[in-house]
Amino acid sequence: MEVQFGLYRGQTFQWLLTHDLGYTVGLLASHEAECEAGHGSSSSPLLCNKDALLEYARLFKGVTAAIVDKRRTGTDSEGDRLVGFSEYSTLTYRELYESPDPQISR
């Protein structure tokens, strides 16, 4: 399936999770909160597409954990939060982005 909204309109769900996980986690955490508050009850095509993206993202335990973590902590201390998945799960986001290690992809 393809994203039908926003910055990455036209990209596949797989591409989005692979290329901008931070954006995706933030978007889906916000979407979940809006749905729980009753603001996402419309059956508009865009909300249905976000629902489908959320369903797809939940297939991956690490992504699901990141969404839960994002909703719990917000964005204030994001750099100090643990990545929580992949081979860098024990690093904070700040350590990951600021690492001088050439093995860490940027």
PDB file of N, CA and C in Angstrom:
ATOM      1  N   MET A   1       0.840  -1.187   0.000  1.00  0.00           N
ATOM      2  CA  MET A   1       0.000   0.000   0.000  1.00  0.00           C
ATOM      3  C   MET A   1       0.881   1.245   0.000  1.00  0.00           C
ATOM      4  N   GLU A   2       0.297   2.323  -0.444  1.00  0.00           N
ATOM      5  CA  GLU A   2       1.012   3.600  -0.525  1.00  0.00           C
ATOM      6  C   GLU A   2       0.423   4.622   0.439  1.00  0.00           C
ATOM      7  N   VAL A   3       1.282   5.500   0.897  1.00  0.00           N
ATOM      8  CA  VAL A   3       0.880   6.620   1.746  1.00  0.00           C
ATOM      9  C   VAL A   3       0.095   7.606   0.878  1.00  0.00           C
ATOM     10  N   GLN A   4      -1.043   8.043   1.363  1.00  0.00           N
ATOM     11  CA  GLN A   4      -1.916   8.934   0.587  1.00  0.00           C
ATOM     12  C   GLN A   4      -1.969  10.348   1.150  1.00  0.00           C
ATOM     13  N   PHE A   5      -1.016  10.697   1.994  1.00  0.00           N
ATOM     14  CA  PHE A   5      -1.068  12.006   2.646  1.00  0.00           C
ATOM     15  C   PHE A   5       0.346  12.485   2.949  1.00  0.00           C
ATOM     16  N   GLY A   6       0.467  13.770   3.206  1.00  0.00           N
ATOM     17  CA  GLY A   6       1.679  14.347   3.761  1.00  0.00           C
ATOM     18  C   GLY A   6       2.923  14.311   2.900  1.00  0.00           C
ATOM     19  N   LEU A   7       4.013  14.470   3.585  1.00  0.00           N
ATOM     20  CA  LEU A   7       5.335  14.608   2.999  1.00  0.00           C
ATOM     21  C   LEU A   7       5.722  13.444   2.087  1.00  0.00           C
ATOM     22  N   TYR A   8       5.308  12.243   2.436  1.00  0.00           N
ATOM     23  CA  TYR A   8       5.734  11.054   1.691  1.00  0.00           C
ATOM     24  C   TYR A   8       4.612  10.440   0.857  1.00  0.00           C
ATOM     25  N   ARG A   9       3.673  11.242   0.452  1.00  0.00           N
ATOM     26  CA  ARG A   9       2.566  10.764  -0.385  1.00  0.00           C
ATOM     27  C   ARG A   9       3.130  10.016  -1.600  1.00  0.00           C
ATOM     28  N   GLY A  10       2.594   8.825  -1.842  1.00  0.00           N
ATOM     29  CA  GLY A  10       3.010   8.030  -2.985  1.00  0.00           C
ATOM     30  C   GLY A  10       4.061   6.976  -2.673  1.00  0.00           C
ATOM     31  N   GLN A  11       4.708   7.088  -1.520  1.00  0.00           N
ATOM     32  CA  GLN A  11       5.694   6.077  -1.122  1.00  0.00           C
ATOM     33  C   GLN A  11       4.956   4.892  -0.495  1.00  0.00           C
ATOM     34  N   THR A  12       5.565   3.718  -0.561  1.00  0.00           N
ATOM     35  CA  THR A  12       4.946   2.548   0.055  1.00  0.00           C
ATOM     36  C   THR A  12       5.123   2.588   1.568  1.00  0.00           C
ATOM     37  N   PHE A  13       4.286   1.832   2.254  1.00  0.00           N
ATOM     38  CA  PHE A  13       4.405   1.734   3.710  1.00  0.00           C
ATOM     39  C   PHE A  13       5.785   1.188   4.072  1.00  0.00           C
ATOM     40  N   GLN A  14       6.234   0.176   3.348  1.00  0.00           N
ATOM     41  CA  GLN A  14       7.544  -0.408   3.626  1.00  0.00           C
ATOM     42  C   GLN A  14       8.641   0.640   3.469  1.00  0.00           C
ATOM     43  N   TRP A  15       8.569   1.432   2.416  1.00  0.00           N
ATOM     44  CA  TRP A  15       9.572   2.476   2.190  1.00  0.00           C
ATOM     45  C   TRP A  15       9.578   3.448   3.359  1.00  0.00           C
ATOM     46  N   LEU A  16       8.401   3.847   3.791  1.00  0.00           N
ATOM     47  CA  LEU A  16       8.291   4.824   4.875  1.00  0.00           C
ATOM     48  C   LEU A  16       8.925   4.302   6.164  1.00  0.00           C
ATOM     49  N   LEU A  17       8.645   3.058   6.512  1.00  0.00           N
ATOM     50  CA  LEU A  17       9.235   2.492   7.727  1.00  0.00           C
ATOM     51  C   LEU A  17      10.743   2.342   7.603  1.00  0.00           C
ATOM     52  N   THR A  18      11.216   2.111   6.410  1.00  0.00           N
ATOM     53  CA  THR A  18      12.642   1.927   6.185  1.00  0.00           C
ATOM     54  C   THR A  18      13.401   3.244   6.151  1.00  0.00           C
ATOM     55  N   HIS A  19      12.788   4.290   5.597  1.00  0.00           N
ATOM     56  CA  HIS A  19      13.508   5.536   5.348  1.00  0.00           C
ATOM     57  C   HIS A  19      13.265   6.661   6.344  1.00  0.00           C
ATOM     58  N   ASP A  20      12.131   6.653   7.038  1.00  0.00           N
ATOM     59  CA  ASP A  20      11.896   7.711   8.028  1.00  0.00           C
ATOM     60  C   ASP A  20      11.044   7.178   9.170  1.00  0.00           C
ATOM     61  N   LEU A  21      11.657   6.330   9.956  1.00  0.00           N
ATOM     62  CA  LEU A  21      10.953   5.689  11.061  1.00  0.00           C
ATOM     63  C   LEU A  21      10.524   6.707  12.113  1.00  0.00           C
ATOM     64  N   GLY A  22      11.350   7.708  12.379  1.00  0.00           N
ATOM     65  CA  GLY A  22      10.996   8.709  13.375  1.00  0.00           C
ATOM     66  C   GLY A  22       9.720   9.452  13.004  1.00  0.00           C
ATOM     67  N   TYR A  23       9.613   9.849  11.749  1.00  0.00           N
ATOM     68  CA  TYR A  23       8.405  10.516  11.252  1.00  0.00           C
ATOM     69  C   TYR A  23       7.200   9.592  11.409  1.00  0.00           C
ATOM     70  N   THR A  24       7.385   8.336  11.015  1.00  0.00           N
ATOM     71  CA  THR A  24       6.295   7.373  11.048  1.00  0.00           C
ATOM     72  C   THR A  24       5.823   7.130  12.471  1.00  0.00           C
ATOM     73  N   VAL A  25       6.752   6.954  13.385  1.00  0.00           N
ATOM     74  CA  VAL A  25       6.394   6.713  14.787  1.00  0.00           C
ATOM     75  C   VAL A  25       5.646   7.918  15.348  1.00  0.00           C
ATOM     76  N   GLY A  26       6.127   9.114  15.080  1.00  0.00           N
ATOM     77  CA  GLY A  26       5.444  10.313  15.554  1.00  0.00           C
ATOM     78  C   GLY A  26       4.048  10.439  14.979  1.00  0.00           C
ATOM     79  N   LEU A  27       3.922  10.198  13.697  1.00  0.00           N
ATOM     80  CA  LEU A  27       2.630  10.266  13.017  1.00  0.00           C
ATOM     81  C   LEU A  27       1.653   9.264  13.604  1.00  0.00           C
ATOM     82  N   LEU A  28       2.106   8.028  13.778  1.00  0.00           N
ATOM     83  CA  LEU A  28       1.209   6.984  14.266  1.00  0.00           C
ATOM     84  C   LEU A  28       0.874   7.151  15.736  1.00  0.00           C
ATOM     85  N   ALA A  29       1.802   7.656  16.532  1.00  0.00           N
ATOM     86  CA  ALA A  29       1.497   7.937  17.935  1.00  0.00           C
ATOM     87  C   ALA A  29       0.419   9.017  18.022  1.00  0.00           C
ATOM     88  N   SER A  30       0.545  10.031  17.196  1.00  0.00           N
ATOM     89  CA  SER A  30      -0.445  11.103  17.157  1.00  0.00           C
ATOM     90  C   SER A  30      -1.799  10.585  16.657  1.00  0.00           C
ATOM     91  N   HIS A  31      -1.762   9.749  15.630  1.00  0.00           N
ATOM     92  CA  HIS A  31      -2.998   9.189  15.069  1.00  0.00           C
ATOM     93  C   HIS A  31      -3.719   8.337  16.113  1.00  0.00           C
ATOM     94  N   GLU A  32      -2.982   7.504  16.825  1.00  0.00           N
ATOM     95  CA  GLU A  32      -3.591   6.685  17.884  1.00  0.00           C
ATOM     96  C   GLU A  32      -4.261   7.565  18.938  1.00  0.00           C
ATOM     97  N   ALA A  33      -3.560   8.601  19.368  1.00  0.00           N
ATOM     98  CA  ALA A  33      -4.098   9.495  20.395  1.00  0.00           C
ATOM     99  C   ALA A  33      -5.364  10.191  19.899  1.00  0.00           C
ATOM    100  N   GLU A  34      -5.358  10.634  18.644  1.00  0.00           N
ATOM    101  CA  GLU A  34      -6.533  11.299  18.078  1.00  0.00           C
ATOM    102  C   GLU A  34      -7.721  10.340  18.004  1.00  0.00           C
ATOM    103  N   CYS A  35      -7.459   9.099  17.615  1.00  0.00           N
ATOM    104  CA  CYS A  35      -8.535   8.107  17.539  1.00  0.00           C
ATOM    105  C   CYS A  35      -9.115   7.829  18.920  1.00  0.00           C
ATOM    106  N   GLU A  36      -8.250   7.698  19.909  1.00  0.00           N
ATOM    107  CA  GLU A  36      -8.712   7.441  21.268  1.00  0.00           C
ATOM    108  C   GLU A  36      -9.504   8.613  21.832  1.00  0.00           C
ATOM    109  N   ALA A  37      -9.193   9.826  21.378  1.00  0.00           N
ATOM    110  CA  ALA A  37      -9.913  11.018  21.841  1.00  0.00           C
ATOM    111  C   ALA A  37     -11.196  11.241  21.051  1.00  0.00           C
ATOM    112  N   GLY A  38     -11.457  10.379  20.070  1.00  0.00           N
ATOM    113  CA  GLY A  38     -12.677  10.490  19.280  1.00  0.00           C
ATOM    114  C   GLY A  38     -12.561  11.395  18.081  1.00  0.00           C
ATOM    115  N   HIS A  39     -11.354  11.856  17.766  1.00  0.00           N
ATOM    116  CA  HIS A  39     -11.167  12.749  16.635  1.00  0.00           C
ATOM    117  C   HIS A  39     -10.851  12.004  15.342  1.00  0.00           C
ATOM    118  N   GLY A  40     -10.665  10.726  15.418  1.00  0.00           N
ATOM    119  CA  GLY A  40     -10.317   9.948  14.237  1.00  0.00           C
ATOM    120  C   GLY A  40     -11.423   9.003  13.827  1.00  0.00           C
ATOM    121  N   SER A  41     -12.653   9.360  14.134  1.00  0.00           N
ATOM    122  CA  SER A  41     -13.767   8.448  13.894  1.00  0.00           C
ATOM    123  C   SER A  41     -14.348   8.552  12.491  1.00  0.00           C
ATOM    124  N   SER A  42     -13.883   9.476  11.701  1.00  0.00           N
ATOM    125  CA  SER A  42     -14.368   9.645  10.338  1.00  0.00           C
ATOM    126  C   SER A  42     -13.899   8.481   9.476  1.00  0.00           C
ATOM    127  N   SER A  43     -14.648   8.202   8.445  1.00  0.00           N
ATOM    128  CA  SER A  43     -14.240   7.142   7.525  1.00  0.00           C
ATOM    129  C   SER A  43     -13.621   7.745   6.264  1.00  0.00           C
ATOM    130  N   SER A  44     -12.984   8.898   6.401  1.00  0.00           N
ATOM    131  CA  SER A  44     -12.356   9.545   5.248  1.00  0.00           C
ATOM    132  C   SER A  44     -11.238   8.655   4.715  1.00  0.00           C
ATOM    133  N   PRO A  45     -10.946   8.747   3.434  1.00  0.00           N
ATOM    134  CA  PRO A  45      -9.882   7.929   2.846  1.00  0.00           C
ATOM    135  C   PRO A  45      -8.521   8.139   3.525  1.00  0.00           C
ATOM    136  N   LEU A  46      -8.227   9.368   3.932  1.00  0.00           N
ATOM    137  CA  LEU A  46      -6.934   9.622   4.572  1.00  0.00           C
ATOM    138  C   LEU A  46      -6.840   8.959   5.938  1.00  0.00           C
ATOM    139  N   LEU A  47      -7.911   9.009   6.714  1.00  0.00           N
ATOM    140  CA  LEU A  47      -7.894   8.345   8.016  1.00  0.00           C
ATOM    141  C   LEU A  47      -7.840   6.828   7.842  1.00  0.00           C
ATOM    142  N   CYS A  48      -8.517   6.313   6.837  1.00  0.00           N
ATOM    143  CA  CYS A  48      -8.448   4.877   6.556  1.00  0.00           C
ATOM    144  C   CYS A  48      -7.021   4.491   6.169  1.00  0.00           C
ATOM    145  N   ASN A  49      -6.341   5.352   5.419  1.00  0.00           N
ATOM    146  CA  ASN A  49      -4.962   5.080   5.026  1.00  0.00           C
ATOM    147  C   ASN A  49      -4.050   5.101   6.249  1.00  0.00           C
ATOM    148  N   LYS A  50      -4.266   6.039   7.170  1.00  0.00           N
ATOM    149  CA  LYS A  50      -3.478   6.067   8.406  1.00  0.00           C
ATOM    150  C   LYS A  50      -3.756   4.823   9.244  1.00  0.00           C
ATOM    151  N   ASP A  51      -5.020   4.400   9.284  1.00  0.00           N
ATOM    152  CA  ASP A  51      -5.356   3.175  10.010  1.00  0.00           C
ATOM    153  C   ASP A  51      -4.622   1.973   9.413  1.00  0.00           C
ATOM    154  N   ALA A  52      -4.580   1.909   8.083  1.00  0.00           N
ATOM    155  CA  ALA A  52      -3.890   0.805   7.408  1.00  0.00           C
ATOM    156  C   ALA A  52      -2.392   0.851   7.681  1.00  0.00           C
ATOM    157  N   LEU A  53      -1.818   2.045   7.679  1.00  0.00           N
ATOM    158  CA  LEU A  53      -0.393   2.195   7.992  1.00  0.00           C
ATOM    159  C   LEU A  53      -0.117   1.744   9.420  1.00  0.00           C
ATOM    160  N   LEU A  54      -0.987   2.115  10.347  1.00  0.00           N
ATOM    161  CA  LEU A  54      -0.828   1.701  11.737  1.00  0.00           C
ATOM    162  C   LEU A  54      -0.911   0.183  11.860  1.00  0.00           C
ATOM    163  N   GLU A  55      -1.855  -0.413  11.174  1.00  0.00           N
ATOM    164  CA  GLU A  55      -1.990  -1.872  11.198  1.00  0.00           C
ATOM    165  C   GLU A  55      -0.731  -2.539  10.645  1.00  0.00           C
ATOM    166  N   TYR A  56      -0.207  -2.017   9.555  1.00  0.00           N
ATOM    167  CA  TYR A  56       1.029  -2.550   8.976  1.00  0.00           C
ATOM    168  C   TYR A  56       2.204  -2.384   9.941  1.00  0.00           C
ATOM    169  N   ALA A  57       2.337  -1.208  10.509  1.00  0.00           N
ATOM    170  CA  ALA A  57       3.457  -0.921  11.404  1.00  0.00           C
ATOM    171  C   ALA A  57       3.424  -1.828  12.629  1.00  0.00           C
ATOM    172  N   ARG A  58       2.240  -2.180  13.085  1.00  0.00           N
ATOM    173  CA  ARG A  58       2.112  -3.045  14.268  1.00  0.00           C
ATOM    174  C   ARG A  58       2.573  -4.475  14.006  1.00  0.00           C
ATOM    175  N   LEU A  59       2.840  -4.811  12.763  1.00  0.00           N
ATOM    176  CA  LEU A  59       3.380  -6.135  12.449  1.00  0.00           C
ATOM    177  C   LEU A  59       4.818  -6.273  12.951  1.00  0.00           C
ATOM    178  N   PHE A  60       5.453  -5.144  13.247  1.00  0.00           N
ATOM    179  CA  PHE A  60       6.844  -5.123  13.661  1.00  0.00           C
ATOM    180  C   PHE A  60       6.918  -4.725  15.137  1.00  0.00           C
ATOM    181  N   LYS A  61       7.377  -5.659  15.966  1.00  0.00           N
ATOM    182  CA  LYS A  61       7.397  -5.431  17.419  1.00  0.00           C
ATOM    183  C   LYS A  61       8.184  -4.189  17.806  1.00  0.00           C
ATOM    184  N   GLY A  62       9.311  -3.958  17.139  1.00  0.00           N
ATOM    185  CA  GLY A  62      10.122  -2.798  17.463  1.00  0.00           C
ATOM    186  C   GLY A  62       9.414  -1.486  17.165  1.00  0.00           C
ATOM    187  N   VAL A  63       8.670  -1.454  16.076  1.00  0.00           N
ATOM    188  CA  VAL A  63       7.925  -0.248  15.713  1.00  0.00           C
ATOM    189  C   VAL A  63       6.790  -0.032  16.710  1.00  0.00           C
ATOM    190  N   THR A  64       6.107  -1.114  17.052  1.00  0.00           N
ATOM    191  CA  THR A  64       5.028  -1.011  18.039  1.00  0.00           C
ATOM    192  C   THR A  64       5.568  -0.471  19.356  1.00  0.00           C
ATOM    193  N   ALA A  65       6.713  -0.982  19.788  1.00  0.00           N
ATOM    194  CA  ALA A  65       7.314  -0.504  21.036  1.00  0.00           C
ATOM    195  C   ALA A  65       7.692   0.973  20.935  1.00  0.00           C
ATOM    196  N   ALA A  66       8.190   1.388  19.788  1.00  0.00           N
ATOM    197  CA  ALA A  66       8.570   2.791  19.600  1.00  0.00           C
ATOM    198  C   ALA A  66       7.351   3.708  19.650  1.00  0.00           C
ATOM    199  N   ILE A  67       6.228   3.253  19.097  1.00  0.00           N
ATOM    200  CA  ILE A  67       4.993   4.051  19.140  1.00  0.00           C
ATOM    201  C   ILE A  67       4.521   4.194  20.583  1.00  0.00           C
ATOM    202  N   VAL A  68       4.531   3.094  21.311  1.00  0.00           N
ATOM    203  CA  VAL A  68       4.131   3.134  22.727  1.00  0.00           C
ATOM    204  C   VAL A  68       5.043   4.076  23.504  1.00  0.00           C
ATOM    205  N   ASP A  69       6.330   3.956  23.262  1.00  0.00           N
ATOM    206  CA  ASP A  69       7.299   4.815  23.945  1.00  0.00           C
ATOM    207  C   ASP A  69       7.086   6.279  23.598  1.00  0.00           C
ATOM    208  N   LYS A  70       6.821   6.566  22.349  1.00  0.00           N
ATOM    209  CA  LYS A  70       6.595   7.949  21.902  1.00  0.00           C
ATOM    210  C   LYS A  70       5.372   8.544  22.596  1.00  0.00           C
ATOM    211  N   ARG A  71       4.331   7.752  22.702  1.00  0.00           N
ATOM    212  CA  ARG A  71       3.118   8.251  23.353  1.00  0.00           C
ATOM    213  C   ARG A  71       3.335   8.454  24.843  1.00  0.00           C
ATOM    214  N   ARG A  72       4.182   7.650  25.420  1.00  0.00           N
ATOM    215  CA  ARG A  72       4.441   7.749  26.861  1.00  0.00           C
ATOM    216  C   ARG A  72       5.315   8.944  27.188  1.00  0.00           C
ATOM    217  N   THR A  73       6.306   9.228  26.356  1.00  0.00           N
ATOM    218  CA  THR A  73       7.293  10.244  26.710  1.00  0.00           C
ATOM    219  C   THR A  73       7.155  11.558  25.966  1.00  0.00           C
ATOM    220  N   GLY A  74       6.431  11.602  24.881  1.00  0.00           N
ATOM    221  CA  GLY A  74       6.360  12.829  24.097  1.00  0.00           C
ATOM    222  C   GLY A  74       7.658  13.067  23.361  1.00  0.00           C
ATOM    223  N   THR A  75       7.944  14.313  23.017  1.00  0.00           N
ATOM    224  CA  THR A  75       9.122  14.598  22.203  1.00  0.00           C
ATOM    225  C   THR A  75      10.213  15.360  22.936  1.00  0.00           C
ATOM    226  N   ASP A  76       9.957  15.830  24.156  1.00  0.00           N
ATOM    227  CA  ASP A  76      10.918  16.688  24.842  1.00  0.00           C
ATOM    228  C   ASP A  76      12.291  16.054  25.022  1.00  0.00           C
ATOM    229  N   SER A  77      12.327  14.798  25.373  1.00  0.00           N
ATOM    230  CA  SER A  77      13.608  14.166  25.669  1.00  0.00           C
ATOM    231  C   SER A  77      13.954  13.077  24.656  1.00  0.00           C
ATOM    232  N   GLU A  78      13.534  13.235  23.447  1.00  0.00           N
ATOM    233  CA  GLU A  78      13.704  12.191  22.447  1.00  0.00           C
ATOM    234  C   GLU A  78      15.163  11.781  22.266  1.00  0.00           C
ATOM    235  N   GLY A  79      16.080  12.716  22.296  1.00  0.00           N
ATOM    236  CA  GLY A  79      17.488  12.389  22.118  1.00  0.00           C
ATOM    237  C   GLY A  79      18.045  11.504  23.209  1.00  0.00           C
ATOM    238  N   ASP A  80      17.413  11.527  24.378  1.00  0.00           N
ATOM    239  CA  ASP A  80      17.898  10.735  25.505  1.00  0.00           C
ATOM    240  C   ASP A  80      17.165   9.404  25.663  1.00  0.00           C
ATOM    241  N   ARG A  81      16.229   9.134  24.777  1.00  0.00           N
ATOM    242  CA  ARG A  81      15.499   7.867  24.826  1.00  0.00           C
ATOM    243  C   ARG A  81      16.287   6.776  24.132  1.00  0.00           C
ATOM    244  N   LEU A  82      16.096   5.544  24.569  1.00  0.00           N
ATOM    245  CA  LEU A  82      16.740   4.410  23.915  1.00  0.00           C
ATOM    246  C   LEU A  82      16.101   4.156  22.562  1.00  0.00           C
ATOM    247  N   VAL A  83      16.914   3.745  21.603  1.00  0.00           N
ATOM    248  CA  VAL A  83      16.399   3.386  20.288  1.00  0.00           C
ATOM    249  C   VAL A  83      15.393   2.253  20.455  1.00  0.00           C
ATOM    250  N   GLY A  84      15.751   1.226  21.208  1.00  0.00           N
ATOM    251  CA  GLY A  84      14.795   0.197  21.582  1.00  0.00           C
ATOM    252  C   GLY A  84      14.597  -0.942  20.597  1.00  0.00           C
ATOM    253  N   PHE A  85      15.208  -0.885  19.435  1.00  0.00           N
ATOM    254  CA  PHE A  85      15.098  -1.967  18.464  1.00  0.00           C
ATOM    255  C   PHE A  85      16.333  -1.952  17.584  1.00  0.00           C
ATOM    256  N   SER A  86      16.525  -2.971  16.820  1.00  0.00           N
ATOM    257  CA  SER A  86      17.656  -3.179  15.916  1.00  0.00           C
ATOM    258  C   SER A  86      18.933  -3.421  16.712  1.00  0.00           C
ATOM    259  N   GLU A  87      20.040  -3.479  16.005  1.00  0.00           N
ATOM    260  CA  GLU A  87      21.317  -3.741  16.672  1.00  0.00           C
ATOM    261  C   GLU A  87      21.756  -2.584  17.568  1.00  0.00           C
ATOM    262  N   TYR A  88      21.113  -1.436  17.434  1.00  0.00           N
ATOM    263  CA  TYR A  88      21.454  -0.258  18.242  1.00  0.00           C
ATOM    264  C   TYR A  88      20.448  -0.019  19.360  1.00  0.00           C
ATOM    265  N   SER A  89      19.723  -1.046  19.755  1.00  0.00           N
ATOM    266  CA  SER A  89      18.637  -0.895  20.719  1.00  0.00           C
ATOM    267  C   SER A  89      19.080  -0.362  22.074  1.00  0.00           C
ATOM    268  N   THR A  90      20.337  -0.558  22.438  1.00  0.00           N
ATOM    269  CA  THR A  90      20.799  -0.100  23.754  1.00  0.00           C
ATOM    270  C   THR A  90      21.377   1.314  23.733  1.00  0.00           C
ATOM    271  N   LEU A  91      21.450   1.923  22.555  1.00  0.00           N
ATOM    272  CA  LEU A  91      21.938   3.301  22.441  1.00  0.00           C
ATOM    273  C   LEU A  91      20.781   4.278  22.565  1.00  0.00           C
ATOM    274  N   THR A  92      21.080   5.492  23.000  1.00  0.00           N
ATOM    275  CA  THR A  92      20.074   6.551  22.923  1.00  0.00           C
ATOM    276  C   THR A  92      20.101   7.096  21.502  1.00  0.00           C
ATOM    277  N   TYR A  93      19.046   7.810  21.127  1.00  0.00           N
ATOM    278  CA  TYR A  93      19.023   8.417  19.799  1.00  0.00           C
ATOM    279  C   TYR A  93      20.195   9.385  19.630  1.00  0.00           C
ATOM    280  N   ARG A  94      20.505  10.135  20.674  1.00  0.00           N
ATOM    281  CA  ARG A  94      21.618  11.086  20.612  1.00  0.00           C
ATOM    282  C   ARG A  94      22.935  10.353  20.358  1.00  0.00           C
ATOM    283  N   GLU A  95      23.169   9.260  21.094  1.00  0.00           N
ATOM    284  CA  GLU A  95      24.394   8.474  20.900  1.00  0.00           C
ATOM    285  C   GLU A  95      24.464   7.918  19.475  1.00  0.00           C
ATOM    286  N   LEU A  96      23.338   7.491  18.962  1.00  0.00           N
ATOM    287  CA  LEU A  96      23.300   6.946  17.613  1.00  0.00           C
ATOM    288  C   LEU A  96      23.652   8.011  16.573  1.00  0.00           C
ATOM    289  N   TYR A  97      23.038   9.178  16.672  1.00  0.00           N
ATOM    290  CA  TYR A  97      23.251  10.231  15.677  1.00  0.00           C
ATOM    291  C   TYR A  97      24.610  10.904  15.801  1.00  0.00           C
ATOM    292  N   GLU A  98      25.154  10.937  17.000  1.00  0.00           N
ATOM    293  CA  GLU A  98      26.425  11.635  17.210  1.00  0.00           C
ATOM    294  C   GLU A  98      27.626  10.694  17.237  1.00  0.00           C
ATOM    295  N   SER A  99      27.405   9.439  16.985  1.00  0.00           N
ATOM    296  CA  SER A  99      28.473   8.447  17.067  1.00  0.00           C
ATOM    297  C   SER A  99      29.553   8.686  16.010  1.00  0.00           C
ATOM    298  N   PRO A 100      30.811   8.641  16.407  1.00  0.00           N
ATOM    299  CA  PRO A 100      31.893   8.753  15.432  1.00  0.00           C
ATOM    300  C   PRO A 100      32.176   7.410  14.748  1.00  0.00           C
ATOM    301  N   ASP A 101      31.513   6.365  15.175  1.00  0.00           N
ATOM    302  CA  ASP A 101      31.730   5.017  14.635  1.00  0.00           C
ATOM    303  C   ASP A 101      31.265   4.968  13.171  1.00  0.00           C
ATOM    304  N   PRO A 102      32.159   4.689  12.241  1.00  0.00           N
ATOM    305  CA  PRO A 102      31.794   4.656  10.823  1.00  0.00           C
ATOM    306  C   PRO A 102      30.867   3.475  10.476  1.00  0.00           C
ATOM    307  N   GLN A 103      30.754   2.500  11.370  1.00  0.00           N
ATOM    308  CA  GLN A 103      29.870   1.361  11.121  1.00  0.00           C
ATOM    309  C   GLN A 103      28.399   1.720  11.294  1.00  0.00           C
ATOM    310  N   ILE A 104      28.141   2.807  12.011  1.00  0.00           N
ATOM    311  CA  ILE A 104      26.766   3.243  12.212  1.00  0.00           C
ATOM    312  C   ILE A 104      26.350   4.085  11.020  1.00  0.00           C
ATOM    313  N   SER A 105      25.311   3.623  10.331  1.00  0.00           N
ATOM    314  CA  SER A 105      24.870   4.375   9.137  1.00  0.00           C
ATOM    315  C   SER A 105      24.139   5.636   9.553  1.00  0.00           C
ATOM    316  N   ARG A 106      24.278   6.627   8.759  1.00  0.00           N
ATOM    317  CA  ARG A 106      23.644   7.917   9.068  1.00  0.00           C
ATOM    318  C   ARG A 106      22.547   8.211   8.114  1.00  0.00           C
TER     319      ARG A 106
END
